[in-house]
Amino acid sequence: MKALLLRIGVLILFFAVLLAPDAKSQDYQDWELFGGFSYFNFNAGSVPFGNGQNFVLQQHSYGWHVTRAENKASWFGGIADLSGNYANRVVNFGTAQSPLIVRFNASIYPFLFGPRFYFRHFGRATLFGDTLIGRVRSRVTVSGDTTETVSETKWAYAFGGGADYNLTDRFAIRVQSDWIRSHFPETQERDFQNIYRVSCGIVFKFGGH
């Protein structure tokens, strides 16, 4: 999956160089739709050990990311943000001679809303920052001797930002990163998680100025 994301990134940069002469640096559109790939780092669960410690399953996951933005001014807009990420992992809690295999299957869906602030004074590049609030839906299935599935929804908030490279008035490539604080417990003592999301993809702009 990492190799696929790398190839996609190279293709995006190639088309950016190919199409860049058509872009106008200061124009903006009323509406933007973003779609792309995302990487997510989150805790898929914890398993208590007999000595009072927990095994925390820090999980790398991959998926999709979409946003819709309505721009009220060249420097300000509002967005709806949705992403989905998926991960699978197999852990042996036993030994090579006496294995105890546990399979984790996890999916996570943040849906967030809030303002976006733009900085459009960098030639073809547009920088932006977000302050978001909403909910995160997670589903974790643990399979060993038995199978258990847990689905929960918790509230969350996020801060993030990124950059668009404008290919034309209507199209741009985007790279962004977000820090998301969800209120899923990470351990018995810590009732929240810090999640990091990195995304890249294409922006479609319409409705024009």
N, C-alpha and C. Protein backbone atom coordinates (compact mmCIF):
# COMPACT_ATOMS: atom_id res chain seq x y z
N MET A 1 0.82 -1.20 0.00
CA MET A 1 0.00 0.00 0.00
C MET A 1 0.86 1.26 0.00
N LYS A 2 1.97 1.24 0.76
CA LYS A 2 2.87 2.40 0.78
C LYS A 2 3.45 2.65 -0.60
N ALA A 3 3.83 1.56 -1.32
CA ALA A 3 4.38 1.71 -2.67
C ALA A 3 3.35 2.32 -3.61
N LEU A 4 2.07 1.91 -3.45
CA LEU A 4 1.01 2.47 -4.29
C LEU A 4 0.84 3.96 -4.03
N LEU A 5 0.83 4.38 -2.77
CA LEU A 5 0.71 5.80 -2.45
C LEU A 5 1.88 6.60 -3.01
N LEU A 6 3.09 6.03 -2.98
CA LEU A 6 4.26 6.70 -3.53
C LEU A 6 4.11 6.91 -5.03
N ARG A 7 3.63 5.87 -5.75
CA ARG A 7 3.43 6.00 -7.19
C ARG A 7 2.38 7.06 -7.51
N ILE A 8 1.31 7.08 -6.71
CA ILE A 8 0.27 8.09 -6.94
C ILE A 8 0.82 9.49 -6.72
N GLY A 9 1.64 9.66 -5.68
CA GLY A 9 2.26 10.97 -5.43
C GLY A 9 3.14 11.42 -6.57
N VAL A 10 3.91 10.49 -7.14
CA VAL A 10 4.77 10.83 -8.28
C VAL A 10 3.93 11.25 -9.49
N LEU A 11 2.83 10.54 -9.74
CA LEU A 11 1.95 10.90 -10.86
C LEU A 11 1.33 12.28 -10.65
N ILE A 12 0.91 12.58 -9.42
CA ILE A 12 0.33 13.89 -9.14
C ILE A 12 1.34 15.00 -9.40
N LEU A 13 2.58 14.81 -8.95
CA LEU A 13 3.61 15.82 -9.19
C LEU A 13 3.90 15.97 -10.68
N PHE A 14 3.87 14.86 -11.43
CA PHE A 14 4.10 14.93 -12.86
C PHE A 14 3.05 15.80 -13.54
N PHE A 15 1.77 15.55 -13.21
CA PHE A 15 0.71 16.34 -13.83
C PHE A 15 0.71 17.78 -13.34
N ALA A 16 1.20 18.01 -12.13
CA ALA A 16 1.31 19.38 -11.64
C ALA A 16 2.28 20.18 -12.51
N VAL A 17 3.41 19.59 -12.80
CA VAL A 17 4.39 20.28 -13.66
C VAL A 17 3.85 20.45 -15.07
N LEU A 18 3.14 19.44 -15.57
CA LEU A 18 2.62 19.48 -16.93
C LEU A 18 1.56 20.55 -17.12
N LEU A 19 0.69 20.72 -16.12
CA LEU A 19 -0.47 21.60 -16.28
C LEU A 19 -0.33 22.95 -15.60
N ALA A 20 0.72 23.17 -14.84
CA ALA A 20 0.86 24.38 -14.04
C ALA A 20 0.74 25.68 -14.81
N PRO A 21 1.18 25.85 -16.06
CA PRO A 21 1.10 27.14 -16.73
C PRO A 21 -0.30 27.71 -16.86
N ASP A 22 -1.37 26.92 -16.72
CA ASP A 22 -2.72 27.42 -16.86
C ASP A 22 -3.28 28.04 -15.58
N ALA A 23 -2.57 27.95 -14.45
CA ALA A 23 -3.12 28.37 -13.18
C ALA A 23 -3.09 29.87 -13.00
N LYS A 24 -4.05 30.40 -12.20
CA LYS A 24 -4.06 31.79 -11.79
C LYS A 24 -3.96 31.83 -10.28
N SER A 25 -3.01 32.58 -9.76
CA SER A 25 -2.66 32.43 -8.36
C SER A 25 -3.68 33.03 -7.41
N GLN A 26 -4.39 34.11 -7.77
CA GLN A 26 -5.22 34.80 -6.80
C GLN A 26 -6.71 34.48 -6.91
N ASP A 27 -7.14 33.71 -7.90
CA ASP A 27 -8.55 33.38 -8.06
C ASP A 27 -8.99 32.38 -6.99
N TYR A 28 -10.28 32.45 -6.65
CA TYR A 28 -10.85 31.42 -5.80
C TYR A 28 -12.27 31.14 -6.25
N GLN A 29 -12.78 29.96 -5.88
CA GLN A 29 -14.11 29.53 -6.27
C GLN A 29 -14.99 29.41 -5.04
N ASP A 30 -16.32 29.48 -5.26
CA ASP A 30 -17.25 29.38 -4.14
C ASP A 30 -17.25 28.00 -3.49
N TRP A 31 -17.03 26.96 -4.29
CA TRP A 31 -17.12 25.59 -3.79
C TRP A 31 -15.86 24.80 -4.14
N GLU A 32 -15.48 23.90 -3.23
CA GLU A 32 -14.35 23.00 -3.47
C GLU A 32 -14.73 21.59 -3.01
N LEU A 33 -14.37 20.62 -3.82
CA LEU A 33 -14.51 19.20 -3.46
C LEU A 33 -13.13 18.55 -3.51
N PHE A 34 -12.75 17.92 -2.42
CA PHE A 34 -11.45 17.24 -2.34
C PHE A 34 -11.69 15.75 -2.18
N GLY A 35 -10.91 14.96 -2.90
CA GLY A 35 -10.92 13.51 -2.74
C GLY A 35 -9.52 12.95 -2.86
N GLY A 36 -9.17 12.04 -1.97
CA GLY A 36 -7.83 11.49 -2.04
C GLY A 36 -7.62 10.33 -1.08
N PHE A 37 -6.34 10.00 -0.90
CA PHE A 37 -5.92 8.90 -0.05
C PHE A 37 -5.45 9.45 1.30
N SER A 38 -5.58 8.64 2.33
CA SER A 38 -5.15 9.10 3.65
C SER A 38 -4.43 7.99 4.40
N TYR A 39 -3.53 8.41 5.27
CA TYR A 39 -2.84 7.54 6.22
C TYR A 39 -3.27 7.96 7.62
N PHE A 40 -3.54 6.99 8.46
CA PHE A 40 -4.05 7.24 9.81
C PHE A 40 -3.23 6.45 10.81
N ASN A 41 -2.91 7.06 11.94
CA ASN A 41 -2.21 6.38 13.01
C ASN A 41 -3.09 6.43 14.25
N PHE A 42 -3.63 5.29 14.68
CA PHE A 42 -4.53 5.31 15.82
C PHE A 42 -4.38 4.04 16.64
N ASN A 43 -4.96 4.05 17.82
CA ASN A 43 -4.91 2.91 18.72
C ASN A 43 -6.15 2.07 18.49
N ALA A 44 -5.98 0.84 18.00
CA ALA A 44 -7.11 -0.04 17.70
C ALA A 44 -7.62 -0.78 18.92
N GLY A 45 -6.97 -0.60 20.06
CA GLY A 45 -7.44 -1.26 21.29
C GLY A 45 -6.27 -1.60 22.19
N SER A 46 -6.58 -2.04 23.38
CA SER A 46 -5.55 -2.47 24.33
C SER A 46 -5.97 -3.78 24.97
N VAL A 47 -4.97 -4.59 25.27
CA VAL A 47 -5.21 -5.91 25.87
C VAL A 47 -4.53 -5.93 27.23
N PRO A 48 -5.28 -6.15 28.32
CA PRO A 48 -4.65 -6.18 29.65
C PRO A 48 -3.84 -7.45 29.87
N PHE A 49 -2.66 -7.29 30.47
CA PHE A 49 -1.85 -8.42 30.88
C PHE A 49 -2.08 -8.70 32.37
N GLY A 50 -1.67 -9.88 32.79
CA GLY A 50 -1.87 -10.27 34.18
C GLY A 50 -1.04 -9.46 35.17
N ASN A 51 0.04 -8.83 34.73
CA ASN A 51 0.89 -8.05 35.62
C ASN A 51 0.41 -6.61 35.81
N GLY A 52 -0.80 -6.30 35.34
CA GLY A 52 -1.34 -4.95 35.50
C GLY A 52 -1.02 -4.01 34.36
N GLN A 53 -0.23 -4.45 33.38
CA GLN A 53 0.10 -3.63 32.24
C GLN A 53 -0.82 -3.93 31.07
N ASN A 54 -0.84 -3.00 30.10
CA ASN A 54 -1.68 -3.15 28.91
C ASN A 54 -0.80 -3.22 27.67
N PHE A 55 -1.19 -4.09 26.73
CA PHE A 55 -0.58 -4.08 25.40
C PHE A 55 -1.43 -3.16 24.52
N VAL A 56 -0.85 -2.04 24.10
CA VAL A 56 -1.56 -1.05 23.29
C VAL A 56 -1.27 -1.33 21.82
N LEU A 57 -2.33 -1.53 21.05
CA LEU A 57 -2.18 -1.87 19.63
C LEU A 57 -2.19 -0.58 18.82
N GLN A 58 -1.02 0.02 18.66
CA GLN A 58 -0.89 1.22 17.83
C GLN A 58 -0.89 0.79 16.37
N GLN A 59 -1.85 1.30 15.61
CA GLN A 59 -2.12 0.73 14.29
C GLN A 59 -1.92 1.75 13.18
N HIS A 60 -1.23 1.34 12.11
CA HIS A 60 -1.12 2.13 10.89
C HIS A 60 -2.23 1.69 9.94
N SER A 61 -2.96 2.64 9.38
CA SER A 61 -4.08 2.29 8.52
C SER A 61 -4.11 3.22 7.31
N TYR A 62 -4.81 2.76 6.27
CA TYR A 62 -4.88 3.50 5.01
C TYR A 62 -6.33 3.53 4.54
N GLY A 63 -6.68 4.58 3.80
CA GLY A 63 -8.06 4.69 3.33
C GLY A 63 -8.27 5.90 2.45
N TRP A 64 -9.43 6.53 2.60
CA TRP A 64 -9.84 7.64 1.74
C TRP A 64 -10.20 8.85 2.59
N HIS A 65 -10.26 10.00 1.92
CA HIS A 65 -10.54 11.26 2.61
C HIS A 65 -11.25 12.19 1.63
N VAL A 66 -12.41 12.73 2.01
CA VAL A 66 -13.15 13.68 1.18
C VAL A 66 -13.55 14.87 2.03
N THR A 67 -13.56 16.05 1.42
CA THR A 67 -14.08 17.25 2.07
C THR A 67 -14.88 18.07 1.06
N ARG A 68 -15.84 18.81 1.58
CA ARG A 68 -16.58 19.79 0.79
C ARG A 68 -16.44 21.13 1.48
N ALA A 69 -16.04 22.14 0.74
CA ALA A 69 -15.84 23.47 1.30
C ALA A 69 -16.72 24.48 0.58
N GLU A 70 -17.31 25.39 1.35
CA GLU A 70 -18.02 26.54 0.80
C GLU A 70 -17.27 27.79 1.24
N ASN A 71 -16.75 28.54 0.27
CA ASN A 71 -15.92 29.70 0.56
C ASN A 71 -16.77 30.97 0.53
N LYS A 72 -16.75 31.69 1.66
CA LYS A 72 -17.50 32.94 1.77
C LYS A 72 -16.68 34.16 1.40
N ALA A 73 -15.37 34.00 1.40
CA ALA A 73 -14.45 35.07 1.02
C ALA A 73 -13.16 34.42 0.56
N SER A 74 -12.25 35.21 0.03
CA SER A 74 -10.98 34.63 -0.45
C SER A 74 -10.17 34.05 0.69
N TRP A 75 -10.42 34.49 1.93
CA TRP A 75 -9.63 34.05 3.07
C TRP A 75 -10.38 33.15 4.03
N PHE A 76 -11.68 32.90 3.78
CA PHE A 76 -12.48 32.20 4.78
C PHE A 76 -13.55 31.32 4.14
N GLY A 77 -13.77 30.14 4.74
CA GLY A 77 -14.84 29.24 4.30
C GLY A 77 -15.20 28.27 5.40
N GLY A 78 -16.16 27.41 5.11
CA GLY A 78 -16.55 26.36 6.04
C GLY A 78 -16.47 25.01 5.34
N ILE A 79 -16.13 23.95 6.10
CA ILE A 79 -15.93 22.65 5.47
C ILE A 79 -16.67 21.55 6.23
N ALA A 80 -17.02 20.51 5.48
CA ALA A 80 -17.45 19.22 6.02
C ALA A 80 -16.40 18.20 5.63
N ASP A 81 -15.90 17.45 6.59
CA ASP A 81 -14.74 16.57 6.42
C ASP A 81 -15.10 15.15 6.83
N LEU A 82 -14.86 14.19 5.94
CA LEU A 82 -15.16 12.78 6.21
C LEU A 82 -14.03 11.92 5.67
N SER A 83 -13.60 10.95 6.46
CA SER A 83 -12.59 10.00 6.00
C SER A 83 -12.88 8.62 6.57
N GLY A 84 -12.31 7.61 5.92
CA GLY A 84 -12.43 6.23 6.38
C GLY A 84 -11.11 5.52 6.22
N ASN A 85 -10.67 4.85 7.28
CA ASN A 85 -9.40 4.14 7.25
C ASN A 85 -9.57 2.74 7.82
N TYR A 86 -8.74 1.80 7.32
CA TYR A 86 -8.94 0.38 7.60
C TYR A 86 -7.60 -0.28 7.89
N ALA A 87 -7.62 -1.22 8.84
CA ALA A 87 -6.37 -1.87 9.23
C ALA A 87 -6.66 -3.30 9.68
N ASN A 88 -5.68 -4.17 9.46
CA ASN A 88 -5.72 -5.55 9.93
C ASN A 88 -4.36 -5.88 10.54
N ARG A 89 -4.40 -6.65 11.62
CA ARG A 89 -3.14 -7.02 12.26
C ARG A 89 -3.30 -8.35 12.97
N VAL A 90 -2.25 -9.15 12.93
CA VAL A 90 -2.22 -10.44 13.63
C VAL A 90 -1.11 -10.39 14.66
N VAL A 91 -1.44 -10.73 15.92
CA VAL A 91 -0.47 -10.69 17.02
C VAL A 91 -0.45 -12.05 17.70
N ASN A 92 0.76 -12.55 17.96
CA ASN A 92 0.93 -13.79 18.70
C ASN A 92 1.26 -13.45 20.16
N PHE A 93 0.30 -13.69 21.06
CA PHE A 93 0.52 -13.42 22.47
C PHE A 93 1.15 -14.61 23.19
N GLY A 94 1.38 -15.69 22.45
CA GLY A 94 2.01 -16.86 23.04
C GLY A 94 3.48 -16.95 22.63
N THR A 95 3.91 -18.15 22.34
CA THR A 95 5.28 -18.40 21.92
C THR A 95 5.24 -19.13 20.59
N ALA A 96 6.42 -19.34 20.00
CA ALA A 96 6.49 -20.08 18.74
C ALA A 96 6.04 -21.53 18.93
N GLN A 97 6.34 -22.11 20.11
CA GLN A 97 5.96 -23.49 20.37
C GLN A 97 4.49 -23.59 20.79
N SER A 98 3.99 -22.57 21.45
CA SER A 98 2.60 -22.58 21.93
C SER A 98 1.95 -21.24 21.56
N PRO A 99 1.58 -21.08 20.29
CA PRO A 99 1.08 -19.77 19.85
C PRO A 99 -0.33 -19.47 20.38
N LEU A 100 -0.56 -18.20 20.59
CA LEU A 100 -1.89 -17.69 20.93
C LEU A 100 -2.17 -16.53 19.96
N ILE A 101 -2.80 -16.85 18.84
CA ILE A 101 -2.97 -15.89 17.75
C ILE A 101 -4.26 -15.09 17.95
N VAL A 102 -4.11 -13.77 17.88
CA VAL A 102 -5.26 -12.87 17.96
C VAL A 102 -5.23 -11.97 16.74
N ARG A 103 -6.36 -11.87 16.06
CA ARG A 103 -6.49 -11.04 14.86
C ARG A 103 -7.32 -9.80 15.18
N PHE A 104 -6.79 -8.65 14.79
CA PHE A 104 -7.49 -7.38 14.96
C PHE A 104 -7.90 -6.86 13.59
N ASN A 105 -9.14 -6.46 13.47
CA ASN A 105 -9.64 -5.82 12.26
C ASN A 105 -10.34 -4.53 12.68
N ALA A 106 -9.90 -3.40 12.16
CA ALA A 106 -10.39 -2.11 12.64
C ALA A 106 -10.73 -1.18 11.49
N SER A 107 -11.75 -0.37 11.70
CA SER A 107 -12.10 0.72 10.78
C SER A 107 -12.47 1.94 11.61
N ILE A 108 -12.18 3.13 11.07
CA ILE A 108 -12.44 4.36 11.80
C ILE A 108 -12.91 5.43 10.83
N TYR A 109 -13.94 6.19 11.25
CA TYR A 109 -14.57 7.18 10.37
C TYR A 109 -14.76 8.50 11.13
N PRO A 110 -13.87 9.46 10.98
CA PRO A 110 -14.13 10.79 11.53
C PRO A 110 -15.06 11.59 10.60
N PHE A 111 -16.05 12.26 11.16
CA PHE A 111 -16.85 13.22 10.39
C PHE A 111 -16.87 14.52 11.19
N LEU A 112 -16.27 15.55 10.60
CA LEU A 112 -15.93 16.79 11.29
C LEU A 112 -16.40 18.00 10.49
N PHE A 113 -16.61 19.11 11.20
CA PHE A 113 -17.10 20.34 10.58
C PHE A 113 -16.42 21.54 11.23
N GLY A 114 -16.26 22.62 10.44
CA GLY A 114 -15.69 23.82 11.03
C GLY A 114 -15.18 24.80 9.99
N PRO A 115 -14.55 25.88 10.44
CA PRO A 115 -14.04 26.91 9.54
C PRO A 115 -12.68 26.56 8.95
N ARG A 116 -12.43 27.13 7.78
CA ARG A 116 -11.12 27.01 7.13
C ARG A 116 -10.64 28.41 6.77
N PHE A 117 -9.36 28.66 7.00
CA PHE A 117 -8.76 29.95 6.72
C PHE A 117 -7.69 29.78 5.65
N TYR A 118 -7.72 30.66 4.63
CA TYR A 118 -6.84 30.54 3.47
C TYR A 118 -5.80 31.66 3.46
N PHE A 119 -4.65 31.34 2.89
CA PHE A 119 -3.57 32.30 2.67
C PHE A 119 -3.17 32.17 1.20
N ARG A 120 -3.57 33.15 0.37
CA ARG A 120 -3.48 33.02 -1.08
C ARG A 120 -2.42 33.94 -1.68
N HIS A 121 -1.33 34.16 -1.01
CA HIS A 121 -0.34 35.13 -1.48
C HIS A 121 1.01 34.47 -1.77
N PHE A 122 0.99 33.26 -2.31
CA PHE A 122 2.21 32.50 -2.53
C PHE A 122 2.27 31.96 -3.95
N GLY A 123 1.97 32.82 -4.93
CA GLY A 123 2.01 32.37 -6.32
C GLY A 123 0.93 31.35 -6.59
N ARG A 124 1.33 30.20 -7.11
CA ARG A 124 0.36 29.14 -7.42
C ARG A 124 -0.08 28.36 -6.19
N ALA A 125 0.59 28.53 -5.08
CA ALA A 125 0.27 27.78 -3.87
C ALA A 125 -0.75 28.52 -3.01
N THR A 126 -1.67 27.76 -2.43
CA THR A 126 -2.62 28.27 -1.45
C THR A 126 -2.45 27.48 -0.17
N LEU A 127 -2.16 28.17 0.93
CA LEU A 127 -2.06 27.52 2.24
C LEU A 127 -3.38 27.66 2.98
N PHE A 128 -3.67 26.72 3.87
CA PHE A 128 -4.91 26.80 4.63
C PHE A 128 -4.76 26.12 5.99
N GLY A 129 -5.62 26.52 6.91
CA GLY A 129 -5.68 25.90 8.24
C GLY A 129 -7.12 25.67 8.65
N ASP A 130 -7.36 24.61 9.45
CA ASP A 130 -8.70 24.21 9.86
C ASP A 130 -8.79 24.11 11.38
N THR A 131 -9.98 24.40 11.90
CA THR A 131 -10.35 24.10 13.28
C THR A 131 -11.68 23.38 13.23
N LEU A 132 -11.71 22.10 13.62
CA LEU A 132 -12.87 21.25 13.37
C LEU A 132 -13.37 20.59 14.65
N ILE A 133 -14.66 20.25 14.63
CA ILE A 133 -15.27 19.50 15.73
C ILE A 133 -16.30 18.55 15.14
N GLY A 134 -16.52 17.42 15.80
CA GLY A 134 -17.49 16.46 15.28
C GLY A 134 -17.44 15.16 16.05
N ARG A 135 -17.54 14.06 15.32
CA ARG A 135 -17.61 12.73 15.92
C ARG A 135 -16.65 11.79 15.19
N VAL A 136 -16.27 10.72 15.87
CA VAL A 136 -15.47 9.66 15.27
C VAL A 136 -16.17 8.33 15.55
N ARG A 137 -16.40 7.57 14.49
CA ARG A 137 -17.02 6.25 14.60
C ARG A 137 -15.95 5.19 14.39
N SER A 138 -15.86 4.23 15.30
CA SER A 138 -14.87 3.15 15.16
C SER A 138 -15.55 1.80 15.30
N ARG A 139 -14.96 0.83 14.64
CA ARG A 139 -15.43 -0.57 14.72
C ARG A 139 -14.19 -1.45 14.79
N VAL A 140 -14.10 -2.25 15.86
CA VAL A 140 -12.95 -3.12 16.07
C VAL A 140 -13.45 -4.54 16.30
N THR A 141 -12.91 -5.48 15.53
CA THR A 141 -13.22 -6.89 15.69
C THR A 141 -11.96 -7.62 16.14
N VAL A 142 -12.07 -8.35 17.25
CA VAL A 142 -10.96 -9.12 17.80
C VAL A 142 -11.33 -10.59 17.70
N SER A 143 -10.49 -11.38 17.02
CA SER A 143 -10.76 -12.80 16.80
C SER A 143 -9.63 -13.64 17.37
N GLY A 144 -9.96 -14.52 18.25
CA GLY A 144 -9.02 -15.50 18.79
C GLY A 144 -9.75 -16.80 18.97
N ASP A 145 -9.85 -17.26 20.22
CA ASP A 145 -10.70 -18.41 20.51
C ASP A 145 -12.17 -18.06 20.27
N THR A 146 -12.51 -16.79 20.51
CA THR A 146 -13.84 -16.27 20.22
C THR A 146 -13.70 -15.00 19.41
N THR A 147 -14.80 -14.48 18.88
CA THR A 147 -14.79 -13.25 18.11
C THR A 147 -15.69 -12.23 18.78
N GLU A 148 -15.15 -11.03 18.97
CA GLU A 148 -15.91 -9.95 19.60
C GLU A 148 -15.77 -8.70 18.75
N THR A 149 -16.89 -8.01 18.49
CA THR A 149 -16.90 -6.77 17.72
C THR A 149 -17.46 -5.65 18.59
N VAL A 150 -16.75 -4.53 18.61
CA VAL A 150 -17.16 -3.36 19.38
C VAL A 150 -17.26 -2.17 18.43
N SER A 151 -18.41 -1.51 18.41
CA SER A 151 -18.61 -0.29 17.61
C SER A 151 -19.02 0.84 18.55
N GLU A 152 -18.35 1.97 18.41
CA GLU A 152 -18.64 3.12 19.26
C GLU A 152 -18.48 4.41 18.47
N THR A 153 -19.16 5.45 18.94
CA THR A 153 -19.01 6.79 18.39
C THR A 153 -18.71 7.75 19.52
N LYS A 154 -17.64 8.53 19.37
CA LYS A 154 -17.23 9.50 20.38
C LYS A 154 -17.02 10.86 19.73
N TRP A 155 -17.14 11.91 20.54
CA TRP A 155 -16.91 13.24 19.99
C TRP A 155 -15.42 13.50 19.89
N ALA A 156 -15.08 14.45 19.01
CA ALA A 156 -13.67 14.73 18.73
C ALA A 156 -13.52 16.17 18.23
N TYR A 157 -12.30 16.66 18.31
CA TYR A 157 -11.97 17.94 17.69
C TYR A 157 -10.61 17.81 17.02
N ALA A 158 -10.33 18.73 16.10
CA ALA A 158 -9.12 18.59 15.29
C ALA A 158 -8.57 19.94 14.89
N PHE A 159 -7.26 19.98 14.69
CA PHE A 159 -6.57 21.12 14.10
C PHE A 159 -5.71 20.58 12.96
N GLY A 160 -5.72 21.29 11.85
CA GLY A 160 -4.93 20.81 10.71
C GLY A 160 -4.66 21.92 9.71
N GLY A 161 -3.98 21.55 8.67
CA GLY A 161 -3.66 22.50 7.61
C GLY A 161 -2.98 21.80 6.46
N GLY A 162 -2.75 22.55 5.41
CA GLY A 162 -2.11 21.96 4.25
C GLY A 162 -1.87 22.99 3.18
N ALA A 163 -1.62 22.49 1.98
CA ALA A 163 -1.30 23.36 0.85
C ALA A 163 -1.91 22.79 -0.42
N ASP A 164 -2.45 23.70 -1.24
CA ASP A 164 -2.90 23.36 -2.59
C ASP A 164 -1.90 23.92 -3.60
N TYR A 165 -1.63 23.16 -4.64
CA TYR A 165 -0.86 23.66 -5.78
C TYR A 165 -1.83 23.74 -6.94
N ASN A 166 -2.16 24.97 -7.36
CA ASN A 166 -3.21 25.20 -8.35
C ASN A 166 -2.71 24.88 -9.75
N LEU A 167 -3.31 23.85 -10.34
CA LEU A 167 -2.97 23.47 -11.71
C LEU A 167 -3.68 24.37 -12.71
N THR A 168 -4.97 24.63 -12.47
CA THR A 168 -5.78 25.54 -13.27
C THR A 168 -6.71 26.28 -12.32
N ASP A 169 -7.62 27.08 -12.85
CA ASP A 169 -8.63 27.72 -12.01
C ASP A 169 -9.54 26.70 -11.34
N ARG A 170 -9.67 25.52 -11.93
CA ARG A 170 -10.65 24.53 -11.48
C ARG A 170 -10.05 23.32 -10.78
N PHE A 171 -8.74 23.11 -10.90
CA PHE A 171 -8.13 21.90 -10.34
C PHE A 171 -6.87 22.25 -9.57
N ALA A 172 -6.64 21.50 -8.48
CA ALA A 172 -5.42 21.66 -7.70
C ALA A 172 -5.05 20.31 -7.10
N ILE A 173 -3.80 20.15 -6.72
CA ILE A 173 -3.38 19.00 -5.92
C ILE A 173 -3.22 19.48 -4.49
N ARG A 174 -3.52 18.60 -3.56
CA ARG A 174 -3.51 18.98 -2.13
C ARG A 174 -2.74 17.97 -1.31
N VAL A 175 -1.98 18.49 -0.35
CA VAL A 175 -1.35 17.70 0.71
C VAL A 175 -1.73 18.35 2.03
N GLN A 176 -2.21 17.55 2.98
CA GLN A 176 -2.59 18.11 4.26
C GLN A 176 -2.33 17.13 5.39
N SER A 177 -2.28 17.68 6.61
CA SER A 177 -2.05 16.88 7.80
C SER A 177 -2.98 17.39 8.90
N ASP A 178 -3.50 16.46 9.72
CA ASP A 178 -4.43 16.81 10.79
C ASP A 178 -4.06 16.11 12.09
N TRP A 179 -4.21 16.83 13.18
CA TRP A 179 -4.12 16.25 14.52
C TRP A 179 -5.53 16.17 15.06
N ILE A 180 -5.99 14.96 15.43
CA ILE A 180 -7.35 14.73 15.88
C ILE A 180 -7.33 14.19 17.30
N ARG A 181 -8.03 14.86 18.20
CA ARG A 181 -8.18 14.35 19.56
C ARG A 181 -9.56 13.68 19.67
N SER A 182 -9.55 12.35 19.76
CA SER A 182 -10.80 11.61 19.93
C SER A 182 -10.93 11.19 21.39
N HIS A 183 -12.14 10.90 21.82
CA HIS A 183 -12.35 10.53 23.21
C HIS A 183 -12.65 9.03 23.35
N PHE A 184 -11.93 8.25 22.54
CA PHE A 184 -11.83 6.82 22.78
C PHE A 184 -10.70 6.58 23.78
N PRO A 185 -10.91 5.76 24.79
CA PRO A 185 -9.83 5.53 25.76
C PRO A 185 -8.66 4.80 25.12
N GLU A 186 -7.46 5.28 25.42
CA GLU A 186 -6.25 4.62 24.93
C GLU A 186 -5.81 3.53 25.88
N THR A 187 -5.90 3.81 27.17
CA THR A 187 -5.65 2.82 28.21
C THR A 187 -6.70 3.01 29.30
N GLN A 188 -6.61 2.23 30.35
CA GLN A 188 -7.55 2.38 31.46
C GLN A 188 -7.37 3.71 32.17
N GLU A 189 -6.17 4.27 32.11
CA GLU A 189 -5.90 5.53 32.79
C GLU A 189 -6.06 6.75 31.88
N ARG A 190 -6.09 6.55 30.57
CA ARG A 190 -6.10 7.67 29.62
C ARG A 190 -7.34 7.55 28.73
N ASP A 191 -8.29 8.47 28.91
CA ASP A 191 -9.59 8.34 28.25
C ASP A 191 -9.68 9.13 26.95
N PHE A 192 -8.58 9.29 26.25
CA PHE A 192 -8.58 9.97 24.96
C PHE A 192 -7.44 9.42 24.11
N GLN A 193 -7.46 9.77 22.82
CA GLN A 193 -6.38 9.40 21.91
C GLN A 193 -6.00 10.60 21.06
N ASN A 194 -4.73 10.70 20.74
CA ASN A 194 -4.23 11.66 19.76
C ASN A 194 -3.97 10.91 18.46
N ILE A 195 -4.67 11.31 17.40
CA ILE A 195 -4.59 10.62 16.12
C ILE A 195 -3.98 11.56 15.09
N TYR A 196 -3.15 11.02 14.22
CA TYR A 196 -2.51 11.81 13.18
C TYR A 196 -2.92 11.29 11.81
N ARG A 197 -3.37 12.21 10.97
CA ARG A 197 -3.84 11.84 9.62
C ARG A 197 -3.08 12.67 8.59
N VAL A 198 -2.60 12.01 7.54
CA VAL A 198 -1.94 12.67 6.42
C VAL A 198 -2.68 12.27 5.14
N SER A 199 -3.00 13.26 4.30
CA SER A 199 -3.79 13.00 3.10
C SER A 199 -3.18 13.70 1.89
N CYS A 200 -3.45 13.14 0.71
CA CYS A 200 -3.09 13.79 -0.55
C CYS A 200 -4.12 13.42 -1.60
N GLY A 201 -4.37 14.35 -2.53
CA GLY A 201 -5.36 14.08 -3.57
C GLY A 201 -5.61 15.27 -4.45
N ILE A 202 -6.79 15.29 -5.07
CA ILE A 202 -7.16 16.29 -6.07
C ILE A 202 -8.31 17.14 -5.55
N VAL A 203 -8.25 18.45 -5.83
CA VAL A 203 -9.32 19.39 -5.49
C VAL A 203 -10.01 19.84 -6.77
N PHE A 204 -11.33 19.78 -6.78
CA PHE A 204 -12.15 20.30 -7.88
C PHE A 204 -12.86 21.57 -7.39
N LYS A 205 -12.73 22.66 -8.14
CA LYS A 205 -13.25 23.96 -7.71
C LYS A 205 -14.28 24.45 -8.74
N PHE A 206 -15.37 25.02 -8.21
CA PHE A 206 -16.41 25.53 -9.11
C PHE A 206 -17.24 26.58 -8.39
N GLY A 207 -17.99 27.35 -9.18
CA GLY A 207 -18.90 28.34 -8.65
C GLY A 207 -18.40 29.75 -8.71
N GLY A 208 -17.31 30.02 -9.18
CA GLY A 208 -16.36 31.01 -9.42
C GLY A 208 -16.37 32.45 -9.09
N HIS A 209 -15.19 32.94 -8.82
CA HIS A 209 -14.87 34.37 -8.73
C HIS A 209 -13.77 34.64 -9.78
